[in-house]
PDB file of N, CA and C in Angstrom:
ATOM      1  N   MET A   1      -0.851  -8.696 -30.531  1.00  0.00           N
ATOM      2  CA  MET A   1       0.417  -9.518 -30.651  1.00  0.00           C
ATOM      3  C   MET A   1       1.113  -9.565 -29.141  1.00  0.00           C
ATOM      4  N   ASN A   2       1.584 -10.526 -29.113  1.00  0.00           N
ATOM      5  CA  ASN A   2       1.829 -10.863 -27.700  1.00  0.00           C
ATOM      6  C   ASN A   2       3.270 -10.389 -27.506  1.00  0.00           C
ATOM      7  N   MET A   3       3.656 -10.169 -26.431  1.00  0.00           N
ATOM      8  CA  MET A   3       4.948  -9.428 -25.993  1.00  0.00           C
ATOM      9  C   MET A   3       5.517 -10.716 -24.966  1.00  0.00           C
ATOM     10  N   ILE A   4       7.222 -10.646 -25.698  1.00  0.00           N
ATOM     11  CA  ILE A   4       7.651 -11.889 -24.740  1.00  0.00           C
ATOM     12  C   ILE A   4       9.132 -11.172 -24.266  1.00  0.00           C
ATOM     13  N   SER A   5       9.099 -11.720 -22.490  1.00  0.00           N
ATOM     14  CA  SER A   5      10.042 -11.147 -22.217  1.00  0.00           C
ATOM     15  C   SER A   5      10.932 -12.484 -21.894  1.00  0.00           C
ATOM     16  N   ILE A   6      12.031 -12.070 -21.113  1.00  0.00           N
ATOM     17  CA  ILE A   6      13.205 -13.038 -20.918  1.00  0.00           C
ATOM     18  C   ILE A   6      13.549 -13.012 -19.066  1.00  0.00           C
ATOM     19  N   ASN A   7      13.379 -13.988 -18.371  1.00  0.00           N
ATOM     20  CA  ASN A   7      13.188 -13.569 -16.952  1.00  0.00           C
ATOM     21  C   ASN A   7      14.738 -14.203 -16.603  1.00  0.00           C
ATOM     22  N   GLU A   8      15.177 -14.035 -15.143  1.00  0.00           N
ATOM     23  CA  GLU A   8      16.735 -13.931 -14.726  1.00  0.00           C
ATOM     24  C   GLU A   8      17.254 -15.284 -15.464  1.00  0.00           C
ATOM     25  N   GLU A   9      16.444 -16.374 -15.197  1.00  0.00           N
ATOM     26  CA  GLU A   9      16.753 -18.114 -15.566  1.00  0.00           C
ATOM     27  C   GLU A   9      16.699 -17.958 -16.998  1.00  0.00           C
ATOM     28  N   GLY A  10      16.923 -17.091 -18.028  1.00  0.00           N
ATOM     29  CA  GLY A  10      16.710 -16.790 -19.271  1.00  0.00           C
ATOM     30  C   GLY A  10      15.908 -17.376 -20.322  1.00  0.00           C
ATOM     31  N   GLU A  11      14.678 -17.990 -19.223  1.00  0.00           N
ATOM     32  CA  GLU A  11      13.231 -18.471 -19.880  1.00  0.00           C
ATOM     33  C   GLU A  11      12.713 -17.395 -20.470  1.00  0.00           C
ATOM     34  N   HIS A  12      11.893 -17.572 -21.448  1.00  0.00           N
ATOM     35  CA  HIS A  12      11.084 -16.922 -22.008  1.00  0.00           C
ATOM     36  C   HIS A  12       9.706 -16.813 -21.367  1.00  0.00           C
ATOM     37  N   GLU A  13       9.082 -15.613 -20.995  1.00  0.00           N
ATOM     38  CA  GLU A  13       7.592 -15.655 -20.033  1.00  0.00           C
ATOM     39  C   GLU A  13       6.917 -14.686 -20.836  1.00  0.00           C
ATOM     40  N   ASN A  14       5.516 -14.822 -21.133  1.00  0.00           N
ATOM     41  CA  ASN A  14       4.964 -14.001 -21.617  1.00  0.00           C
ATOM     42  C   ASN A  14       4.652 -12.541 -20.876  1.00  0.00           C
ATOM     43  N   GLY A  15       4.556 -11.378 -21.817  1.00  0.00           N
ATOM     44  CA  GLY A  15       4.528 -10.347 -21.040  1.00  0.00           C
ATOM     45  C   GLY A  15       3.677  -9.693 -21.304  1.00  0.00           C
ATOM     46  N   GLY A  16       2.232 -10.123 -22.045  1.00  0.00           N
ATOM     47  CA  GLY A  16       0.852  -9.412 -21.977  1.00  0.00           C
ATOM     48  C   GLY A  16       0.744  -9.081 -23.717  1.00  0.00           C
ATOM     49  N   LYS A  17      -0.014  -8.662 -23.880  1.00  0.00           N
ATOM     50  CA  LYS A  17      -0.567  -8.584 -25.484  1.00  0.00           C
ATOM     51  C   LYS A  17      -0.813  -7.014 -25.795  1.00  0.00           C
ATOM     52  N   VAL A  18      -0.223  -6.585 -26.769  1.00  0.00           N
ATOM     53  CA  VAL A  18      -0.582  -5.402 -27.711  1.00  0.00           C
ATOM     54  C   VAL A  18      -1.620  -5.616 -28.938  1.00  0.00           C
ATOM     55  N   ARG A  19      -2.431  -3.904 -28.447  1.00  0.00           N
ATOM     56  CA  ARG A  19      -3.147  -4.112 -29.832  1.00  0.00           C
ATOM     57  C   ARG A  19      -3.089  -2.643 -30.225  1.00  0.00           C
ATOM     58  N   MET A  20      -2.725  -2.626 -31.737  1.00  0.00           N
ATOM     59  CA  MET A  20      -2.344  -1.572 -32.072  1.00  0.00           C
ATOM     60  C   MET A  20      -3.118  -1.633 -33.787  1.00  0.00           C
ATOM     61  N   ARG A  21      -3.538  -0.435 -34.024  1.00  0.00           N
ATOM     62  CA  ARG A  21      -3.943  -0.078 -35.264  1.00  0.00           C
ATOM     63  C   ARG A  21      -2.732   1.001 -36.189  1.00  0.00           C
ATOM     64  N   ILE A  22      -2.807   0.803 -37.370  1.00  0.00           N
ATOM     65  CA  ILE A  22      -1.868   1.407 -38.174  1.00  0.00           C
ATOM     66  C   ILE A  22      -2.643   1.638 -39.381  1.00  0.00           C
ATOM     67  N   ASP A  23      -2.744   3.020 -39.672  1.00  0.00           N
ATOM     68  CA  ASP A  23      -3.592   3.460 -41.025  1.00  0.00           C
ATOM     69  C   ASP A  23      -2.710   4.385 -41.782  1.00  0.00           C
ATOM     70  N   LEU A  24      -2.266   3.773 -43.033  1.00  0.00           N
ATOM     71  CA  LEU A  24      -1.222   4.431 -44.186  1.00  0.00           C
ATOM     72  C   LEU A  24      -2.450   5.166 -44.768  1.00  0.00           C
ATOM     73  N   MET A  25      -2.053   6.428 -45.435  1.00  0.00           N
ATOM     74  CA  MET A  25      -3.244   7.118 -46.101  1.00  0.00           C
ATOM     75  C   MET A  25      -1.832   8.040 -46.866  1.00  0.00           C
ATOM     76  N   SER A  26      -2.590   8.606 -48.275  1.00  0.00           N
ATOM     77  CA  SER A  26      -1.758   9.618 -48.854  1.00  0.00           C
ATOM     78  C   SER A  26      -1.928  10.700 -48.393  1.00  0.00           C
ATOM     79  N   ARG A  27      -0.518  11.557 -48.810  1.00  0.00           N
ATOM     80  CA  ARG A  27      -0.716  13.069 -48.264  1.00  0.00           C
ATOM     81  C   ARG A  27      -2.044  13.922 -48.295  1.00  0.00           C
ATOM     82  N   ALA A  28      -2.645  13.703 -49.550  1.00  0.00           N
ATOM     83  CA  ALA A  28      -3.844  14.120 -49.942  1.00  0.00           C
ATOM     84  C   ALA A  28      -5.010  13.980 -49.183  1.00  0.00           C
ATOM     85  N   ASP A  29      -5.341  12.615 -48.939  1.00  0.00           N
ATOM     86  CA  ASP A  29      -6.099  12.550 -47.974  1.00  0.00           C
ATOM     87  C   ASP A  29      -5.784  12.738 -46.321  1.00  0.00           C
ATOM     88  N   ALA A  30      -4.574  12.888 -46.131  1.00  0.00           N
ATOM     89  CA  ALA A  30      -4.229  13.184 -44.920  1.00  0.00           C
ATOM     90  C   ALA A  30      -4.240  14.906 -44.573  1.00  0.00           C
ATOM     91  N   ASP A  31      -4.447  15.589 -45.578  1.00  0.00           N
ATOM     92  CA  ASP A  31      -4.003  17.119 -45.807  1.00  0.00           C
ATOM     93  C   ASP A  31      -6.047  17.020 -45.363  1.00  0.00           C
ATOM     94  N   LYS A  32      -6.874  16.493 -46.043  1.00  0.00           N
ATOM     95  CA  LYS A  32      -8.372  16.763 -45.922  1.00  0.00           C
ATOM     96  C   LYS A  32      -9.344  16.001 -44.966  1.00  0.00           C
ATOM     97  N   ALA A  33      -8.352  15.377 -44.150  1.00  0.00           N
ATOM     98  CA  ALA A  33      -8.920  15.086 -42.974  1.00  0.00           C
ATOM     99  C   ALA A  33      -8.037  14.930 -41.454  1.00  0.00           C
ATOM    100  N   ALA A  34      -7.562  16.196 -41.510  1.00  0.00           N
ATOM    101  CA  ALA A  34      -6.621  16.832 -40.911  1.00  0.00           C
ATOM    102  C   ALA A  34      -7.375  16.662 -39.379  1.00  0.00           C
ATOM    103  N   VAL A  35      -6.614  15.967 -38.652  1.00  0.00           N
ATOM    104  CA  VAL A  35      -6.782  15.706 -36.974  1.00  0.00           C
ATOM    105  C   VAL A  35      -5.966  16.320 -36.203  1.00  0.00           C
ATOM    106  N   GLY A  36      -6.442  16.797 -35.313  1.00  0.00           N
ATOM    107  CA  GLY A  36      -5.521  17.661 -34.019  1.00  0.00           C
ATOM    108  C   GLY A  36      -4.634  16.991 -33.351  1.00  0.00           C
ATOM    109  N   SER A  37      -3.473  17.403 -32.250  1.00  0.00           N
ATOM    110  CA  SER A  37      -2.697  16.838 -31.759  1.00  0.00           C
ATOM    111  C   SER A  37      -3.097  16.164 -30.743  1.00  0.00           C
ATOM    112  N   ALA A  38      -3.307  14.768 -30.126  1.00  0.00           N
ATOM    113  CA  ALA A  38      -3.964  14.067 -29.434  1.00  0.00           C
ATOM    114  C   ALA A  38      -5.197  14.499 -28.904  1.00  0.00           C
ATOM    115  N   ARG A  39      -5.682  15.069 -27.831  1.00  0.00           N
ATOM    116  CA  ARG A  39      -7.411  15.448 -27.886  1.00  0.00           C
ATOM    117  C   ARG A  39      -7.464  16.977 -28.281  1.00  0.00           C
ATOM    118  N   SER A  40      -6.980  17.437 -28.831  1.00  0.00           N
ATOM    119  CA  SER A  40      -7.007  18.345 -29.282  1.00  0.00           C
ATOM    120  C   SER A  40      -7.616  18.811 -30.228  1.00  0.00           C
ATOM    121  N   GLU A  41      -8.814  19.687 -30.580  1.00  0.00           N
ATOM    122  CA  GLU A  41      -9.784  19.467 -32.109  1.00  0.00           C
ATOM    123  C   GLU A  41      -8.980  20.077 -33.398  1.00  0.00           C
ATOM    124  N   PRO A  42      -9.429  19.277 -34.372  1.00  0.00           N
ATOM    125  CA  PRO A  42     -10.427  18.326 -34.434  1.00  0.00           C
ATOM    126  C   PRO A  42     -10.120  17.046 -34.028  1.00  0.00           C
ATOM    127  N   ASN A  43     -11.130  16.442 -33.238  1.00  0.00           N
ATOM    128  CA  ASN A  43     -10.806  15.184 -32.513  1.00  0.00           C
ATOM    129  C   ASN A  43     -11.960  13.961 -32.666  1.00  0.00           C
ATOM    130  N   HIS A  44     -11.128  13.135 -33.985  1.00  0.00           N
ATOM    131  CA  HIS A  44     -11.913  12.356 -34.874  1.00  0.00           C
ATOM    132  C   HIS A  44     -10.363  11.299 -35.420  1.00  0.00           C
ATOM    133  N   SER A  45     -11.279   9.921 -35.970  1.00  0.00           N
ATOM    134  CA  SER A  45     -10.010   9.078 -36.460  1.00  0.00           C
ATOM    135  C   SER A  45      -8.982   8.585 -35.604  1.00  0.00           C
ATOM    136  N   PRO A  46      -9.213   8.283 -34.706  1.00  0.00           N
ATOM    137  CA  PRO A  46     -10.008   7.550 -33.588  1.00  0.00           C
ATOM    138  C   PRO A  46     -10.177   9.026 -32.823  1.00  0.00           C
ATOM    139  N   ASN A  47     -11.904   9.046 -31.934  1.00  0.00           N
ATOM    140  CA  ASN A  47     -11.653  10.058 -31.031  1.00  0.00           C
ATOM    141  C   ASN A  47     -11.234   9.686 -29.891  1.00  0.00           C
ATOM    142  N   LEU A  48     -10.486  10.501 -29.392  1.00  0.00           N
ATOM    143  CA  LEU A  48      -9.831  10.467 -27.960  1.00  0.00           C
ATOM    144  C   LEU A  48     -10.680  10.925 -26.780  1.00  0.00           C
ATOM    145  N   PRO A  49     -11.342  10.092 -25.871  1.00  0.00           N
ATOM    146  CA  PRO A  49     -12.118  10.397 -24.459  1.00  0.00           C
ATOM    147  C   PRO A  49     -11.039  11.316 -23.816  1.00  0.00           C
ATOM    148  N   PRO A  50     -11.600  12.446 -22.797  1.00  0.00           N
ATOM    149  CA  PRO A  50     -10.617  12.656 -21.822  1.00  0.00           C
ATOM    150  C   PRO A  50     -10.861  11.710 -20.478  1.00  0.00           C
ATOM    151  N   PRO A  51      -9.166  11.922 -20.462  1.00  0.00           N
ATOM    152  CA  PRO A  51      -8.758  10.659 -19.271  1.00  0.00           C
ATOM    153  C   PRO A  51      -9.802  10.531 -18.043  1.00  0.00           C
ATOM    154  N   GLU A  52      -9.492   9.331 -17.607  1.00  0.00           N
ATOM    155  CA  GLU A  52     -10.566   8.967 -16.556  1.00  0.00           C
ATOM    156  C   GLU A  52      -9.854   8.685 -15.674  1.00  0.00           C
ATOM    157  N   GLY A  53      -9.871   8.741 -14.206  1.00  0.00           N
ATOM    158  CA  GLY A  53      -9.462   8.286 -12.887  1.00  0.00           C
ATOM    159  C   GLY A  53      -8.101   9.443 -12.595  1.00  0.00           C
ATOM    160  N   ARG A  54      -8.009  10.261 -12.687  1.00  0.00           N
ATOM    161  CA  ARG A  54      -6.492  11.087 -12.835  1.00  0.00           C
ATOM    162  C   ARG A  54      -6.805  12.194 -11.033  1.00  0.00           C
ATOM    163  N   LEU A  55      -5.752  12.124 -10.506  1.00  0.00           N
ATOM    164  CA  LEU A  55      -5.485  12.598  -9.121  1.00  0.00           C
ATOM    165  C   LEU A  55      -6.043  14.437  -9.564  1.00  0.00           C
ATOM    166  N   LYS A  56      -7.054  14.868  -8.652  1.00  0.00           N
ATOM    167  CA  LYS A  56      -7.665  16.100  -8.292  1.00  0.00           C
ATOM    168  C   LYS A  56      -6.798  16.668  -7.035  1.00  0.00           C
ATOM    169  N   PHE A  57      -6.295  17.526  -7.197  1.00  0.00           N
ATOM    170  CA  PHE A  57      -4.973  18.136  -6.358  1.00  0.00           C
ATOM    171  C   PHE A  57      -6.479  19.299  -5.503  1.00  0.00           C
ATOM    172  N   SER A  58      -6.638  18.669  -4.090  1.00  0.00           N
ATOM    173  CA  SER A  58      -7.183  19.498  -3.401  1.00  0.00           C
ATOM    174  C   SER A  58      -6.286  19.942  -1.725  1.00  0.00           C
ATOM    175  N   LEU A  59      -6.747  20.949  -1.811  1.00  0.00           N
ATOM    176  CA  LEU A  59      -6.061  21.355  -0.107  1.00  0.00           C
ATOM    177  C   LEU A  59      -7.129  20.673   1.015  1.00  0.00           C
ATOM    178  N   ASN A  60      -8.192  20.228   0.935  1.00  0.00           N
ATOM    179  CA  ASN A  60      -8.881  19.473   1.765  1.00  0.00           C
ATOM    180  C   ASN A  60      -8.096  17.870   2.093  1.00  0.00           C
ATOM    181  N   PRO A  61      -7.590  17.625   3.649  1.00  0.00           N
ATOM    182  CA  PRO A  61      -6.732  16.216   3.439  1.00  0.00           C
ATOM    183  C   PRO A  61      -7.539  15.105   3.302  1.00  0.00           C
ATOM    184  N   PHE A  62      -8.801  15.103   3.690  1.00  0.00           N
ATOM    185  CA  PHE A  62      -9.966  14.073   3.611  1.00  0.00           C
ATOM    186  C   PHE A  62     -10.051  13.765   2.121  1.00  0.00           C
ATOM    187  N   ALA A  63     -10.046  14.912   1.338  1.00  0.00           N
ATOM    188  CA  ALA A  63     -10.311  14.403  -0.072  1.00  0.00           C
ATOM    189  C   ALA A  63      -9.072  14.005  -1.027  1.00  0.00           C
ATOM    190  N   MET A  64      -7.961  14.420  -0.484  1.00  0.00           N
ATOM    191  CA  MET A  64      -6.810  13.653  -0.917  1.00  0.00           C
ATOM    192  C   MET A  64      -6.449  12.118  -0.506  1.00  0.00           C
ATOM    193  N   PHE A  65      -6.766  11.812   0.874  1.00  0.00           N
ATOM    194  CA  PHE A  65      -6.783  10.583   1.446  1.00  0.00           C
ATOM    195  C   PHE A  65      -7.771   9.730   0.460  1.00  0.00           C
ATOM    196  N   MET A  66      -8.976  10.109   0.055  1.00  0.00           N
ATOM    197  CA  MET A  66     -10.043   9.402  -0.409  1.00  0.00           C
ATOM    198  C   MET A  66      -9.387   9.099  -1.864  1.00  0.00           C
ATOM    199  N   GLN A  67      -8.810   9.924  -2.541  1.00  0.00           N
ATOM    200  CA  GLN A  67      -8.198   9.904  -3.803  1.00  0.00           C
ATOM    201  C   GLN A  67      -7.101   8.793  -3.885  1.00  0.00           C
ATOM    202  N   LEU A  68      -5.883   9.158  -3.058  1.00  0.00           N
ATOM    203  CA  LEU A  68      -4.927   8.535  -2.553  1.00  0.00           C
ATOM    204  C   LEU A  68      -5.052   6.731  -2.543  1.00  0.00           C
ATOM    205  N   PHE A  69      -6.219   6.224  -1.914  1.00  0.00           N
ATOM    206  CA  PHE A  69      -6.403   5.008  -1.170  1.00  0.00           C
ATOM    207  C   PHE A  69      -7.636   4.661  -1.601  1.00  0.00           C
ATOM    208  N   GLY A  70      -7.652   3.247  -1.959  1.00  0.00           N
ATOM    209  CA  GLY A  70      -8.629   2.247  -2.129  1.00  0.00           C
ATOM    210  C   GLY A  70      -9.698   2.178  -1.254  1.00  0.00           C
ATOM    211  N   PRO A  71     -10.419   1.696  -1.262  1.00  0.00           N
ATOM    212  CA  PRO A  71     -11.447   1.125   0.306  1.00  0.00           C
ATOM    213  C   PRO A  71     -11.076   0.377   0.986  1.00  0.00           C
ATOM    214  N   ALA A  72     -10.153  -0.768   0.475  1.00  0.00           N
ATOM    215  CA  ALA A  72      -9.878  -1.904   1.107  1.00  0.00           C
ATOM    216  C   ALA A  72      -8.511  -1.015   1.950  1.00  0.00           C
ATOM    217  N   MET A  73      -7.532  -0.191   1.332  1.00  0.00           N
ATOM    218  CA  MET A  73      -6.472  -0.043   2.150  1.00  0.00           C
ATOM    219  C   MET A  73      -7.300   1.419   3.229  1.00  0.00           C
ATOM    220  N   ARG A  74      -8.205   2.017   2.899  1.00  0.00           N
ATOM    221  CA  ARG A  74      -8.983   3.155   3.812  1.00  0.00           C
ATOM    222  C   ARG A  74      -9.424   1.999   5.054  1.00  0.00           C
ATOM    223  N   ARG A  75     -10.076   0.843   4.604  1.00  0.00           N
ATOM    224  CA  ARG A  75     -10.256   0.250   5.561  1.00  0.00           C
ATOM    225  C   ARG A  75      -9.323  -0.537   7.030  1.00  0.00           C
ATOM    226  N   LYS A  76      -8.238  -0.710   6.105  1.00  0.00           N
ATOM    227  CA  LYS A  76      -6.868  -1.321   7.007  1.00  0.00           C
ATOM    228  C   LYS A  76      -6.353  -0.084   8.030  1.00  0.00           C
ATOM    229  N   ILE A  77      -6.406   1.487   7.438  1.00  0.00           N
ATOM    230  CA  ILE A  77      -6.014   2.341   8.068  1.00  0.00           C
ATOM    231  C   ILE A  77      -6.886   3.013   9.228  1.00  0.00           C
ATOM    232  N   TYR A  78      -8.361   2.692   9.065  1.00  0.00           N
ATOM    233  CA  TYR A  78      -9.037   2.984  10.007  1.00  0.00           C
ATOM    234  C   TYR A  78      -9.066   1.970  10.924  1.00  0.00           C
ATOM    235  N   CYS A  79      -9.013   0.960  11.001  1.00  0.00           N
ATOM    236  CA  CYS A  79      -8.577   0.016  12.180  1.00  0.00           C
ATOM    237  C   CYS A  79      -7.579   0.172  12.418  1.00  0.00           C
ATOM    238  N   ALA A  80      -6.390   0.349  11.656  1.00  0.00           N
ATOM    239  CA  ALA A  80      -5.163   0.754  12.816  1.00  0.00           C
ATOM    240  C   ALA A  80      -4.995   2.290  13.686  1.00  0.00           C
ATOM    241  N   CYS A  81      -6.071   2.894  13.113  1.00  0.00           N
ATOM    242  CA  CYS A  81      -6.054   4.114  13.886  1.00  0.00           C
ATOM    243  C   CYS A  81      -7.084   3.854  15.028  1.00  0.00           C
ATOM    244  N   CYS A  82      -8.458   2.957  15.177  1.00  0.00           N
ATOM    245  CA  CYS A  82      -8.792   2.193  16.363  1.00  0.00           C
ATOM    246  C   CYS A  82      -8.088   1.805  17.230  1.00  0.00           C
ATOM    247  N   CYS A  83      -6.974   0.971  16.841  1.00  0.00           N
ATOM    248  CA  CYS A  83      -6.602   0.334  17.315  1.00  0.00           C
ATOM    249  C   CYS A  83      -5.564   1.040  18.370  1.00  0.00           C
ATOM    250  N   VAL A  84      -4.846   1.949  17.527  1.00  0.00           N
ATOM    251  CA  VAL A  84      -3.987   3.055  18.566  1.00  0.00           C
ATOM    252  C   VAL A  84      -4.676   3.958  19.101  1.00  0.00           C
ATOM    253  N   VAL A  85      -5.936   4.370  18.898  1.00  0.00           N
ATOM    254  CA  VAL A  85      -6.597   5.074  19.800  1.00  0.00           C
ATOM    255  C   VAL A  85      -7.065   4.226  21.329  1.00  0.00           C
ATOM    256  N   CYS A  86      -7.415   2.962  20.990  1.00  0.00           N
ATOM    257  CA  CYS A  86      -7.793   1.990  22.370  1.00  0.00           C
ATOM    258  C   CYS A  86      -6.574   1.758  22.951  1.00  0.00           C
ATOM    259  N   ILE A  87      -4.994   1.664  22.176  1.00  0.00           N
ATOM    260  CA  ILE A  87      -3.667   1.037  23.214  1.00  0.00           C
ATOM    261  C   ILE A  87      -3.719   2.711  24.095  1.00  0.00           C
ATOM    262  N   ALA A  88      -4.055   3.635  23.433  1.00  0.00           N
ATOM    263  CA  ALA A  88      -3.675   5.149  23.946  1.00  0.00           C
ATOM    264  C   ALA A  88      -4.562   5.096  25.327  1.00  0.00           C
ATOM    265  N   LEU A  89      -5.781   4.716  25.305  1.00  0.00           N
ATOM    266  CA  LEU A  89      -6.713   5.008  26.109  1.00  0.00           C
ATOM    267  C   LEU A  89      -6.478   3.826  27.389  1.00  0.00           C
ATOM    268  N   CYS A  90      -5.662   2.800  26.910  1.00  0.00           N
ATOM    269  CA  CYS A  90      -5.642   1.638  27.977  1.00  0.00           C
ATOM    270  C   CYS A  90      -4.331   2.384  28.755  1.00  0.00           C
ATOM    271  N   ILE A  91      -3.466   2.893  28.074  1.00  0.00           N
ATOM    272  CA  ILE A  91      -2.181   3.577  28.636  1.00  0.00           C
ATOM    273  C   ILE A  91      -2.370   4.509  29.677  1.00  0.00           C
ATOM    274  N   TYR A  92      -3.604   5.580  29.195  1.00  0.00           N
ATOM    275  CA  TYR A  92      -3.603   6.387  30.140  1.00  0.00           C
ATOM    276  C   TYR A  92      -4.343   6.226  31.162  1.00  0.00           C
ATOM    277  N   ILE A  93      -5.293   4.893  30.807  1.00  0.00           N
ATOM    278  CA  ILE A  93      -6.146   4.718  32.211  1.00  0.00           C
ATOM    279  C   ILE A  93      -5.438   3.644  33.201  1.00  0.00           C
ATOM    280  N   ILE A  94      -4.524   2.851  33.000  1.00  0.00           N
ATOM    281  CA  ILE A  94      -3.916   2.103  33.753  1.00  0.00           C
ATOM    282  C   ILE A  94      -3.299   2.681  35.075  1.00  0.00           C
ATOM    283  N   PRO A  95      -2.752   4.008  35.213  1.00  0.00           N
ATOM    284  CA  PRO A  95      -2.467   4.689  35.973  1.00  0.00           C
ATOM    285  C   PRO A  95      -3.974   5.005  37.223  1.00  0.00           C
ATOM    286  N   THR A  96      -5.007   5.482  36.451  1.00  0.00           N
ATOM    287  CA  THR A  96      -5.801   5.805  37.277  1.00  0.00           C
ATOM    288  C   THR A  96      -6.615   4.520  38.166  1.00  0.00           C
ATOM    289  N   VAL A  97      -6.748   3.587  37.489  1.00  0.00           N
ATOM    290  CA  VAL A  97      -7.084   2.378  38.256  1.00  0.00           C
ATOM    291  C   VAL A  97      -5.873   2.165  39.112  1.00  0.00           C
ATOM    292  N   ALA A  98      -4.932   1.878  38.640  1.00  0.00           N
ATOM    293  CA  ALA A  98      -3.933   1.633  39.655  1.00  0.00           C
ATOM    294  C   ALA A  98      -3.867   2.076  40.802  1.00  0.00           C
ATOM    295  N   GLY A  99      -3.673   3.471  40.477  1.00  0.00           N
ATOM    296  CA  GLY A  99      -3.790   4.456  41.833  1.00  0.00           C
ATOM    297  C   GLY A  99      -5.007   4.326  42.671  1.00  0.00           C
ATOM    298  N   GLY A 100      -6.245   4.248  41.876  1.00  0.00           N
ATOM    299  CA  GLY A 100      -7.476   3.864  42.866  1.00  0.00           C
ATOM    300  C   GLY A 100      -7.519   2.631  43.713  1.00  0.00           C
ATOM    301  N   ALA A 101      -6.614   1.215  43.063  1.00  0.00           N
ATOM    302  CA  ALA A 101      -6.645  -0.024  44.007  1.00  0.00           C
ATOM    303  C   ALA A 101      -5.739   0.177  45.045  1.00  0.00           C
ATOM    304  N   ILE A 102      -4.291   0.782  44.926  1.00  0.00           N
ATOM    305  CA  ILE A 102      -3.638   1.297  45.941  1.00  0.00           C
ATOM    306  C   ILE A 102      -4.356   1.689  47.105  1.00  0.00           C
ATOM    307  N   CYS A 103      -4.619   2.631  46.643  1.00  0.00           N
ATOM    308  CA  CYS A 103      -5.559   3.514  47.519  1.00  0.00           C
ATOM    309  C   CYS A 103      -6.856   2.997  48.879  1.00  0.00           C
ATOM    310  N   LYS A 104      -7.373   2.111  47.610  1.00  0.00           N
ATOM    311  CA  LYS A 104      -8.260   1.466  48.388  1.00  0.00           C
ATOM    312  C   LYS A 104      -7.467   0.374  49.531  1.00  0.00           C
ATOM    313  N   THR A 105      -6.485  -0.240  48.739  1.00  0.00           N
ATOM    314  CA  THR A 105      -5.622  -1.084  49.724  1.00  0.00           C
ATOM    315  C   THR A 105      -5.204  -0.580  51.095  1.00  0.00           C
ATOM    316  N   ILE A 106      -4.576   0.592  50.620  1.00  0.00           N
ATOM    317  CA  ILE A 106      -4.157   1.481  51.909  1.00  0.00           C
ATOM    318  C   ILE A 106      -5.244   1.763  53.129  1.00  0.00           C
ATOM    319  N   LEU A 107      -6.229   2.237  52.369  1.00  0.00           N
ATOM    320  CA  LEU A 107      -7.292   3.073  53.361  1.00  0.00           C
ATOM    321  C   LEU A 107      -8.023   1.756  54.122  1.00  0.00           C
ATOM    322  N   PHE A 108      -8.533   0.647  53.523  1.00  0.00           N
ATOM    323  CA  PHE A 108      -9.117  -0.112  54.052  1.00  0.00           C
ATOM    324  C   PHE A 108      -8.143  -1.388  54.740  1.00  0.00           C
ATOM    325  N   GLY A 109      -6.907  -1.317  54.475  1.00  0.00           N
ATOM    326  CA  GLY A 109      -5.882  -2.601  55.127  1.00  0.00           C
ATOM    327  C   GLY A 109      -5.773  -3.639  54.719  1.00  0.00           C
ATOM    328  N   ILE A 110      -6.368  -3.938  53.464  1.00  0.00           N
ATOM    329  CA  ILE A 110      -6.662  -5.667  52.471  1.00  0.00           C
ATOM    330  C   ILE A 110      -4.954  -6.189  52.723  1.00  0.00           C
ATOM    331  N   CYS A 111      -4.799  -7.122  53.194  1.00  0.00           N
ATOM    332  CA  CYS A 111      -3.315  -7.706  53.044  1.00  0.00           C
ATOM    333  C   CYS A 111      -3.594  -8.992  52.334  1.00  0.00           C
TER     334      CYS A 111
END
């Protein structure tokens, strides 16, 4: 079944497809082949597998980081952290280098 929505301009646009199955049966047949609610037993007609990709809570921040961000986003975060560390090192090294240059200029009298 095609799902159609209307955008801001009033035009119809495709909203995707929905696939569904409806089984009609008599009350007697339903009582013979009872099924559980959702994934509880008995789990048949159709069999519902356990969900995949759910978030598992952990107190380990690295495990949560790996679950919350995909590989592409993790690479971007790693690159941003490396850039921040390099910039911080440059900021902390500048006074040392500048102080050494000023000291040499004063001691050796280079003008």
